[in-house]
Amino acid sequence: MATLDGKPVSTDDLLSLALTNLGHFTTFRVDSDGTVRGLTRHLDRLVRDCSAVFGVALDTELVRDFVRQELAGYELPRVVRVTVHDPGADMGRPADANEPRVMVSTRPASGPPVTPLRTLSVAFERDLPHVKHVGLFGALHARRTAQMAGYGDAVFTDRDGRLAEGVTWNVGFIDRDGAVLWPRTGALPGVTMALLREYAGSVEHRDDDVSLDRAAGMAAAFATNASIGVRPLAGIDGNAFAVEHPVLGRLRERYLSIPGEAL
């Protein structure tokens, strides 16, 4: 089930989202105690992206109310997606789309993935990579390409051959000195990535350019998002990575120890 501004969503409410595809969203996990890691960051993302896409402010207290209402009666933990779109949007006049509404949908939360992820590099750059928007065709086509080739997912390279991000996740690398490197450009500023940097402890984090050739020399690599936390990458293309690197263990422990915020 999904709701729009707290009411059951109708087919008409979804038509513009399906046919015009103008909107943005964020996804987070609500743990069994009703808290969310990085909730403030997710709400800040919605505010920032609503301004970028629709040019208007978003009331985050209403968003929280709608999420709490949608979760009522469900057993936690659960994954929540908040999608902001204007049901009146028209393809011929996107400039008139300035009355966005809040759709909330949920699904059961699974445990962390237990298998490392094998990835295929695919040349692709998202439109407006700093916005978590609903334009997913190119990204999902890249994922399909990777899966048809026998891989679990795709990781994107830009026009200069630099690694940027995964389909629905950030990618990080651990160099031979144990430092964590994050691609410098072309990636969505992920909430899980930001939390790992905020709660870094003794682990060094820095932004850098990572080509495929440079990635091949890394000690380890991993994917991050709010649903999976920290997931090791088994490899990119034909290059394999260590999946039990000690820094990976520290990142996972750090992430799981981050206190959640109450809805």
C-alpha atoms as a PDB file:
ATOM      1  CA  MET A   1       0.000   0.000   0.000  1.00  0.00           C
ATOM      2  CA  ALA A   2       1.039   3.596  -0.567  1.00  0.00           C
ATOM      3  CA  THR A   3      -0.369   6.917   0.566  1.00  0.00           C
ATOM      4  CA  LEU A   4      -0.295  10.409  -0.940  1.00  0.00           C
ATOM      5  CA  ASP A   5      -0.357  13.189   1.642  1.00  0.00           C
ATOM      6  CA  GLY A   6      -1.629  10.612   4.122  1.00  0.00           C
ATOM      7  CA  LYS A   7      -4.486   9.273   1.992  1.00  0.00           C
ATOM      8  CA  PRO A   8      -4.647   6.086  -0.113  1.00  0.00           C
ATOM      9  CA  VAL A   9      -3.028   6.777  -3.450  1.00  0.00           C
ATOM     10  CA  SER A  10      -5.219   6.528  -6.566  1.00  0.00           C
ATOM     11  CA  THR A  11      -4.416   5.579 -10.139  1.00  0.00           C
ATOM     12  CA  ASP A  12      -4.900   9.181 -11.225  1.00  0.00           C
ATOM     13  CA  ASP A  13      -2.432  10.304  -8.561  1.00  0.00           C
ATOM     14  CA  LEU A  14       0.205   8.014 -10.071  1.00  0.00           C
ATOM     15  CA  LEU A  15      -0.308   8.782 -13.763  1.00  0.00           C
ATOM     16  CA  SER A  16       1.952  11.825 -13.945  1.00  0.00           C
ATOM     17  CA  LEU A  17       4.670  10.052 -11.993  1.00  0.00           C
ATOM     18  CA  ALA A  18       4.511   7.089 -14.364  1.00  0.00           C
ATOM     19  CA  LEU A  19       4.146   9.033 -17.622  1.00  0.00           C
ATOM     20  CA  THR A  20       6.047  12.266 -16.936  1.00  0.00           C
ATOM     21  CA  ASN A  21       8.568  10.885 -14.422  1.00  0.00           C
ATOM     22  CA  LEU A  22       9.265  14.200 -12.713  1.00  0.00           C
ATOM     23  CA  GLY A  23      10.038  13.834  -9.024  1.00  0.00           C
ATOM     24  CA  HIS A  24      12.557  12.891  -6.389  1.00  0.00           C
ATOM     25  CA  PHE A  25      12.747  10.525  -3.435  1.00  0.00           C
ATOM     26  CA  THR A  26      14.721   9.131  -0.536  1.00  0.00           C
ATOM     27  CA  THR A  27      14.727   5.645   0.957  1.00  0.00           C
ATOM     28  CA  PHE A  28      15.563   4.686   4.526  1.00  0.00           C
ATOM     29  CA  ARG A  29      15.260   1.791   6.945  1.00  0.00           C
ATOM     30  CA  VAL A  30      13.122   2.093  10.062  1.00  0.00           C
ATOM     31  CA  ASP A  31      14.600  -0.259  12.650  1.00  0.00           C
ATOM     32  CA  SER A  32      12.627  -2.361  15.102  1.00  0.00           C
ATOM     33  CA  ASP A  33      12.814   0.387  17.751  1.00  0.00           C
ATOM     34  CA  GLY A  34      11.229   2.911  15.385  1.00  0.00           C
ATOM     35  CA  THR A  35      14.419   4.871  14.731  1.00  0.00           C
ATOM     36  CA  VAL A  36      16.210   5.761  11.504  1.00  0.00           C
ATOM     37  CA  ARG A  37      19.945   6.153  11.031  1.00  0.00           C
ATOM     38  CA  GLY A  38      20.562   9.524   9.434  1.00  0.00           C
ATOM     39  CA  LEU A  39      16.917  10.641   9.485  1.00  0.00           C
ATOM     40  CA  THR A  40      17.871  14.321   9.570  1.00  0.00           C
ATOM     41  CA  ARG A  41      20.085  13.829   6.528  1.00  0.00           C
ATOM     42  CA  HIS A  42      17.269  12.102   4.632  1.00  0.00           C
ATOM     43  CA  LEU A  43      14.873  14.949   5.430  1.00  0.00           C
ATOM     44  CA  ASP A  44      17.493  17.527   4.460  1.00  0.00           C
ATOM     45  CA  ARG A  45      17.912  15.703   1.137  1.00  0.00           C
ATOM     46  CA  LEU A  46      14.165  15.915   0.496  1.00  0.00           C
ATOM     47  CA  VAL A  47      14.160  19.644   1.234  1.00  0.00           C
ATOM     48  CA  ARG A  48      17.209  20.288  -0.952  1.00  0.00           C
ATOM     49  CA  ASP A  49      15.911  18.210  -3.859  1.00  0.00           C
ATOM     50  CA  CYS A  50      12.390  19.656  -3.654  1.00  0.00           C
ATOM     51  CA  SER A  51      13.917  23.094  -4.097  1.00  0.00           C
ATOM     52  CA  ALA A  52      16.028  21.871  -7.019  1.00  0.00           C
ATOM     53  CA  VAL A  53      13.202  20.035  -8.815  1.00  0.00           C
ATOM     54  CA  PHE A  54      10.108  22.101  -7.983  1.00  0.00           C
ATOM     55  CA  GLY A  55      11.454  25.385  -6.616  1.00  0.00           C
ATOM     56  CA  VAL A  56       9.402  25.201  -3.423  1.00  0.00           C
ATOM     57  CA  ALA A  57       9.972  24.422   0.244  1.00  0.00           C
ATOM     58  CA  LEU A  58       8.999  21.101   1.804  1.00  0.00           C
ATOM     59  CA  ASP A  59       7.489  20.728   5.280  1.00  0.00           C
ATOM     60  CA  THR A  60       9.511  17.940   6.901  1.00  0.00           C
ATOM     61  CA  GLU A  61       7.178  17.695   9.883  1.00  0.00           C
ATOM     62  CA  LEU A  62       4.390  16.733   7.509  1.00  0.00           C
ATOM     63  CA  VAL A  63       6.702  14.175   5.897  1.00  0.00           C
ATOM     64  CA  ARG A  64       7.351  12.618   9.303  1.00  0.00           C
ATOM     65  CA  ASP A  65       3.617  12.526  10.047  1.00  0.00           C
ATOM     66  CA  PHE A  66       2.890  10.811   6.736  1.00  0.00           C
ATOM     67  CA  VAL A  67       5.619   8.224   7.328  1.00  0.00           C
ATOM     68  CA  ARG A  68       4.389   7.443  10.843  1.00  0.00           C
ATOM     69  CA  GLN A  69       0.849   7.094   9.527  1.00  0.00           C
ATOM     70  CA  GLU A  70       1.902   4.717   6.745  1.00  0.00           C
ATOM     71  CA  LEU A  71       3.912   2.563   9.167  1.00  0.00           C
ATOM     72  CA  ALA A  72       1.021   2.138  11.600  1.00  0.00           C
ATOM     73  CA  GLY A  73       0.018  -1.510  11.766  1.00  0.00           C
ATOM     74  CA  TYR A  74       3.203  -2.801  10.137  1.00  0.00           C
ATOM     75  CA  GLU A  75       5.797  -4.851  11.958  1.00  0.00           C
ATOM     76  CA  LEU A  76       9.246  -3.269  12.028  1.00  0.00           C
ATOM     77  CA  PRO A  77      11.914  -3.160  10.682  1.00  0.00           C
ATOM     78  CA  ARG A  78      10.689  -1.804   7.375  1.00  0.00           C
ATOM     79  CA  VAL A  79      12.114   0.099   4.416  1.00  0.00           C
ATOM     80  CA  VAL A  80      10.358   3.380   3.619  1.00  0.00           C
ATOM     81  CA  ARG A  81      10.459   5.304   0.354  1.00  0.00           C
ATOM     82  CA  VAL A  82       9.287   8.920   0.333  1.00  0.00           C
ATOM     83  CA  THR A  83       8.593  10.159  -3.203  1.00  0.00           C
ATOM     84  CA  VAL A  84       7.826  13.801  -3.881  1.00  0.00           C
ATOM     85  CA  HIS A  85       5.982  14.602  -7.122  1.00  0.00           C
ATOM     86  CA  ASP A  86       3.247  16.843  -8.505  1.00  0.00           C
ATOM     87  CA  PRO A  87       0.256  14.766  -9.721  1.00  0.00           C
ATOM     88  CA  GLY A  88      -0.704  17.685 -11.962  1.00  0.00           C
ATOM     89  CA  ALA A  89       2.624  17.765 -13.800  1.00  0.00           C
ATOM     90  CA  ASP A  90       2.339  18.014 -17.571  1.00  0.00           C
ATOM     91  CA  MET A  91       5.091  17.032 -20.003  1.00  0.00           C
ATOM     92  CA  GLY A  92       4.478  20.132 -22.098  1.00  0.00           C
ATOM     93  CA  ARG A  93       4.604  22.535 -19.138  1.00  0.00           C
ATOM     94  CA  PRO A  94       6.995  21.194 -16.484  1.00  0.00           C
ATOM     95  CA  ALA A  95       7.554  24.774 -15.346  1.00  0.00           C
ATOM     96  CA  ASP A  96       4.003  24.723 -13.966  1.00  0.00           C
ATOM     97  CA  ALA A  97       4.731  21.740 -11.686  1.00  0.00           C
ATOM     98  CA  ASN A  98       5.046  23.577  -8.392  1.00  0.00           C
ATOM     99  CA  GLU A  99       2.578  21.812  -6.087  1.00  0.00           C
ATOM    100  CA  PRO A 100       4.466  18.672  -5.071  1.00  0.00           C
ATOM    101  CA  ARG A 101       2.868  16.142  -2.775  1.00  0.00           C
ATOM    102  CA  VAL A 102       4.338  13.400  -0.618  1.00  0.00           C
ATOM    103  CA  MET A 103       3.876   9.734  -1.442  1.00  0.00           C
ATOM    104  CA  VAL A 104       4.989   7.163   1.133  1.00  0.00           C
ATOM    105  CA  SER A 105       5.422   3.479   0.341  1.00  0.00           C
ATOM    106  CA  THR A 106       6.990   0.728   2.416  1.00  0.00           C
ATOM    107  CA  ARG A 107       8.290  -2.815   2.101  1.00  0.00           C
ATOM    108  CA  PRO A 108       9.633  -5.390   4.554  1.00  0.00           C
ATOM    109  CA  ALA A 109      13.271  -4.913   5.512  1.00  0.00           C
ATOM    110  CA  SER A 110      15.618  -7.807   5.003  1.00  0.00           C
ATOM    111  CA  GLY A 111      18.883  -8.445   6.802  1.00  0.00           C
ATOM    112  CA  PRO A 112      22.216  -7.257   5.401  1.00  0.00           C
ATOM    113  CA  PRO A 113      23.233  -9.038   2.169  1.00  0.00           C
ATOM    114  CA  VAL A 114      25.481 -11.957   3.037  1.00  0.00           C
ATOM    115  CA  THR A 115      27.195 -12.391  -0.327  1.00  0.00           C
ATOM    116  CA  PRO A 116      29.752  -9.945  -1.740  1.00  0.00           C
ATOM    117  CA  LEU A 117      28.641  -8.217  -4.927  1.00  0.00           C
ATOM    118  CA  ARG A 118      30.256  -8.868  -8.316  1.00  0.00           C
ATOM    119  CA  THR A 119      29.937  -5.823 -10.567  1.00  0.00           C
ATOM    120  CA  LEU A 120      30.406  -4.856 -14.189  1.00  0.00           C
ATOM    121  CA  SER A 121      31.630  -1.385 -15.115  1.00  0.00           C
ATOM    122  CA  VAL A 122      29.229   0.435 -17.447  1.00  0.00           C
ATOM    123  CA  ALA A 123      29.789   3.864 -18.991  1.00  0.00           C
ATOM    124  CA  PHE A 124      26.903   5.979 -17.721  1.00  0.00           C
ATOM    125  CA  GLU A 125      26.375   9.365 -16.063  1.00  0.00           C
ATOM    126  CA  ARG A 126      23.113  10.203 -14.318  1.00  0.00           C
ATOM    127  CA  ASP A 127      21.314  13.475 -15.040  1.00  0.00           C
ATOM    128  CA  LEU A 128      21.742  15.860 -12.090  1.00  0.00           C
ATOM    129  CA  PRO A 129      23.762  13.330 -10.058  1.00  0.00           C
ATOM    130  CA  HIS A 130      23.467  15.454  -6.899  1.00  0.00           C
ATOM    131  CA  VAL A 131      19.647  14.946  -6.922  1.00  0.00           C
ATOM    132  CA  LYS A 132      18.052  11.620  -5.980  1.00  0.00           C
ATOM    133  CA  HIS A 133      15.459  11.842  -8.733  1.00  0.00           C
ATOM    134  CA  VAL A 134      13.045   9.277 -10.145  1.00  0.00           C
ATOM    135  CA  GLY A 135      14.660   9.122 -13.601  1.00  0.00           C
ATOM    136  CA  LEU A 136      15.963   5.562 -13.283  1.00  0.00           C
ATOM    137  CA  PHE A 137      15.773   4.207 -16.836  1.00  0.00           C
ATOM    138  CA  GLY A 138      19.467   4.586 -17.673  1.00  0.00           C
ATOM    139  CA  ALA A 139      20.591   3.241 -14.324  1.00  0.00           C
ATOM    140  CA  LEU A 140      18.280   0.229 -14.449  1.00  0.00           C
ATOM    141  CA  HIS A 141      19.271  -0.491 -18.038  1.00  0.00           C
ATOM    142  CA  ALA A 142      22.885  -0.604 -16.856  1.00  0.00           C
ATOM    143  CA  ARG A 143      21.883  -2.998 -14.062  1.00  0.00           C
ATOM    144  CA  ARG A 144      20.087  -5.208 -16.579  1.00  0.00           C
ATOM    145  CA  THR A 145      23.150  -5.167 -18.839  1.00  0.00           C
ATOM    146  CA  ALA A 146      25.333  -6.318 -15.952  1.00  0.00           C
ATOM    147  CA  GLN A 147      22.930  -9.028 -14.853  1.00  0.00           C
ATOM    148  CA  MET A 148      22.517 -10.349 -18.384  1.00  0.00           C
ATOM    149  CA  ALA A 149      26.302 -10.680 -18.477  1.00  0.00           C
ATOM    150  CA  GLY A 150      26.291 -12.741 -15.285  1.00  0.00           C
ATOM    151  CA  TYR A 151      27.144 -10.017 -12.751  1.00  0.00           C
ATOM    152  CA  GLY A 152      25.137  -8.928  -9.736  1.00  0.00           C
ATOM    153  CA  ASP A 153      25.052  -5.215 -10.514  1.00  0.00           C
ATOM    154  CA  ALA A 154      26.671  -2.359 -12.432  1.00  0.00           C
ATOM    155  CA  VAL A 155      29.063   0.365 -11.341  1.00  0.00           C
ATOM    156  CA  PHE A 156      29.253   3.537 -13.429  1.00  0.00           C
ATOM    157  CA  THR A 157      32.250   5.138 -15.128  1.00  0.00           C
ATOM    158  CA  ASP A 158      32.142   8.691 -16.448  1.00  0.00           C
ATOM    159  CA  ARG A 159      33.343   9.990 -19.821  1.00  0.00           C
ATOM    160  CA  ASP A 160      36.904  10.208 -18.470  1.00  0.00           C
ATOM    161  CA  GLY A 161      36.886   6.601 -17.264  1.00  0.00           C
ATOM    162  CA  ARG A 162      36.572   7.456 -13.570  1.00  0.00           C
ATOM    163  CA  LEU A 163      34.371   5.340 -11.321  1.00  0.00           C
ATOM    164  CA  ALA A 164      31.470   7.309  -9.888  1.00  0.00           C
ATOM    165  CA  GLU A 165      28.772   5.228  -8.157  1.00  0.00           C
ATOM    166  CA  GLY A 166      26.627   2.131  -8.375  1.00  0.00           C
ATOM    167  CA  VAL A 167      23.085   1.888  -9.681  1.00  0.00           C
ATOM    168  CA  THR A 168      21.411   2.585  -6.326  1.00  0.00           C
ATOM    169  CA  TRP A 169      24.464   2.819  -4.065  1.00  0.00           C
ATOM    170  CA  ASN A 170      27.691   4.656  -3.469  1.00  0.00           C
ATOM    171  CA  VAL A 171      30.971   2.878  -4.069  1.00  0.00           C
ATOM    172  CA  GLY A 172      34.004   3.193  -1.816  1.00  0.00           C
ATOM    173  CA  PHE A 173      37.532   1.809  -2.004  1.00  0.00           C
ATOM    174  CA  ILE A 174      40.128   0.851   0.583  1.00  0.00           C
ATOM    175  CA  ASP A 175      43.693   1.489  -0.504  1.00  0.00           C
ATOM    176  CA  ARG A 176      46.787  -0.456   0.526  1.00  0.00           C
ATOM    177  CA  ASP A 177      47.311   1.882   3.492  1.00  0.00           C
ATOM    178  CA  GLY A 178      43.802   1.266   4.843  1.00  0.00           C
ATOM    179  CA  ALA A 179      42.347   4.650   3.837  1.00  0.00           C
ATOM    180  CA  VAL A 180      38.831   4.866   2.412  1.00  0.00           C
ATOM    181  CA  LEU A 181      38.576   6.628  -0.958  1.00  0.00           C
ATOM    182  CA  TRP A 182      35.291   7.997  -2.288  1.00  0.00           C
ATOM    183  CA  PRO A 183      34.880   9.020  -5.953  1.00  0.00           C
ATOM    184  CA  ARG A 184      35.329  12.766  -6.185  1.00  0.00           C
ATOM    185  CA  THR A 185      32.685  13.634  -8.776  1.00  0.00           C
ATOM    186  CA  GLY A 186      29.556  12.340 -10.448  1.00  0.00           C
ATOM    187  CA  ALA A 187      28.012  10.549  -7.464  1.00  0.00           C
ATOM    188  CA  LEU A 188      24.898  11.161  -5.408  1.00  0.00           C
ATOM    189  CA  PRO A 189      25.884  12.442  -1.937  1.00  0.00           C
ATOM    190  CA  GLY A 190      24.653   9.348  -0.122  1.00  0.00           C
ATOM    191  CA  VAL A 191      23.409   9.398   3.464  1.00  0.00           C
ATOM    192  CA  THR A 192      25.172   6.159   4.449  1.00  0.00           C
ATOM    193  CA  MET A 193      28.417   7.457   2.976  1.00  0.00           C
ATOM    194  CA  ALA A 194      28.044  10.701   4.934  1.00  0.00           C
ATOM    195  CA  LEU A 195      27.364   8.802   8.173  1.00  0.00           C
ATOM    196  CA  LEU A 196      30.433   6.609   7.705  1.00  0.00           C
ATOM    197  CA  ARG A 197      32.528   9.748   7.298  1.00  0.00           C
ATOM    198  CA  GLU A 198      30.918  11.445  10.298  1.00  0.00           C
ATOM    199  CA  TYR A 199      31.540   8.406  12.511  1.00  0.00           C
ATOM    200  CA  ALA A 200      34.915   7.590  10.952  1.00  0.00           C
ATOM    201  CA  GLY A 201      36.855   7.033  14.167  1.00  0.00           C
ATOM    202  CA  SER A 202      40.450   6.247  13.267  1.00  0.00           C
ATOM    203  CA  VAL A 203      39.685   5.347   9.642  1.00  0.00           C
ATOM    204  CA  GLU A 204      40.853   7.981   7.156  1.00  0.00           C
ATOM    205  CA  HIS A 205      38.310   9.042   4.521  1.00  0.00           C
ATOM    206  CA  ARG A 206      39.063  11.237   1.526  1.00  0.00           C
ATOM    207  CA  ASP A 207      37.711  12.155  -1.903  1.00  0.00           C
ATOM    208  CA  ASP A 208      39.764  11.057  -4.885  1.00  0.00           C
ATOM    209  CA  ASP A 209      39.635  10.082  -8.554  1.00  0.00           C
ATOM    210  CA  VAL A 210      39.568   6.306  -9.048  1.00  0.00           C
ATOM    211  CA  SER A 211      39.956   4.929 -12.566  1.00  0.00           C
ATOM    212  CA  LEU A 212      39.374   1.285 -13.414  1.00  0.00           C
ATOM    213  CA  ASP A 213      43.144   0.757 -13.579  1.00  0.00           C
ATOM    214  CA  ARG A 214      43.615   2.361 -10.175  1.00  0.00           C
ATOM    215  CA  ALA A 215      40.708   0.406  -8.714  1.00  0.00           C
ATOM    216  CA  ALA A 216      42.412  -2.833  -9.727  1.00  0.00           C
ATOM    217  CA  GLY A 217      45.171  -2.046  -7.249  1.00  0.00           C
ATOM    218  CA  MET A 218      42.886  -1.361  -4.293  1.00  0.00           C
ATOM    219  CA  ALA A 219      42.839  -3.694  -1.295  1.00  0.00           C
ATOM    220  CA  ALA A 220      39.039  -3.797  -1.089  1.00  0.00           C
ATOM    221  CA  ALA A 221      35.871  -2.116  -2.329  1.00  0.00           C
ATOM    222  CA  PHE A 222      32.318  -1.849  -1.038  1.00  0.00           C
ATOM    223  CA  ALA A 223      28.813  -0.571  -1.719  1.00  0.00           C
ATOM    224  CA  THR A 224      26.753   1.550   0.673  1.00  0.00           C
ATOM    225  CA  ASN A 225      23.144   2.650   0.964  1.00  0.00           C
ATOM    226  CA  ALA A 226      20.477   2.865   3.648  1.00  0.00           C
ATOM    227  CA  SER A 227      19.055  -0.579   2.865  1.00  0.00           C
ATOM    228  CA  ILE A 228      22.274  -2.606   2.711  1.00  0.00           C
ATOM    229  CA  GLY A 229      24.582  -0.655   5.005  1.00  0.00           C
ATOM    230  CA  VAL A 230      28.088  -1.744   3.954  1.00  0.00           C
ATOM    231  CA  ARG A 231      28.369  -4.583   1.427  1.00  0.00           C
ATOM    232  CA  PRO A 232      31.741  -5.813   0.133  1.00  0.00           C
ATOM    233  CA  LEU A 233      32.388  -5.900  -3.585  1.00  0.00           C
ATOM    234  CA  ALA A 234      33.857  -9.186  -4.769  1.00  0.00           C
ATOM    235  CA  GLY A 235      35.135  -7.493  -7.890  1.00  0.00           C
ATOM    236  CA  ILE A 236      34.715  -5.053 -10.742  1.00  0.00           C
ATOM    237  CA  ASP A 237      34.901  -6.651 -14.176  1.00  0.00           C
ATOM    238  CA  GLY A 238      37.704  -9.220 -13.916  1.00  0.00           C
ATOM    239  CA  ASN A 239      39.453  -7.620 -10.940  1.00  0.00           C
ATOM    240  CA  ALA A 240      38.835  -9.288  -7.576  1.00  0.00           C
ATOM    241  CA  PHE A 241      38.920  -7.651  -4.147  1.00  0.00           C
ATOM    242  CA  ALA A 242      39.434  -9.028  -0.653  1.00  0.00           C
ATOM    243  CA  VAL A 243      36.008  -9.370   0.959  1.00  0.00           C
ATOM    244  CA  GLU A 244      37.228  -9.814   4.539  1.00  0.00           C
ATOM    245  CA  HIS A 245      39.502  -6.787   4.805  1.00  0.00           C
ATOM    246  CA  PRO A 246      39.769  -5.522   8.418  1.00  0.00           C
ATOM    247  CA  VAL A 247      38.722  -1.990   7.458  1.00  0.00           C
ATOM    248  CA  LEU A 248      35.513  -3.399   5.972  1.00  0.00           C
ATOM    249  CA  GLY A 249      34.764  -4.978   9.323  1.00  0.00           C
ATOM    250  CA  ARG A 250      35.379  -1.692  11.096  1.00  0.00           C
ATOM    251  CA  LEU A 251      33.117   0.175   8.686  1.00  0.00           C
ATOM    252  CA  ARG A 252      30.298  -2.314   9.245  1.00  0.00           C
ATOM    253  CA  GLU A 253      30.710  -2.125  13.014  1.00  0.00           C
ATOM    254  CA  ARG A 254      30.784   1.662  12.921  1.00  0.00           C
ATOM    255  CA  TYR A 255      27.640   1.830  10.807  1.00  0.00           C
ATOM    256  CA  LEU A 256      25.675  -0.541  13.017  1.00  0.00           C
ATOM    257  CA  SER A 257      26.716   1.423  16.109  1.00  0.00           C
ATOM    258  CA  ILE A 258      25.381   4.744  14.802  1.00  0.00           C
ATOM    259  CA  PRO A 259      22.400   5.794  16.942  1.00  0.00           C
ATOM    260  CA  GLY A 260      19.077   6.135  15.172  1.00  0.00           C
ATOM    261  CA  GLU A 261      16.754   9.132  15.325  1.00  0.00           C
ATOM    262  CA  ALA A 262      13.118   8.744  16.329  1.00  0.00           C
ATOM    263  CA  LEU A 263      10.495   9.406  13.696  1.00  0.00           C
END
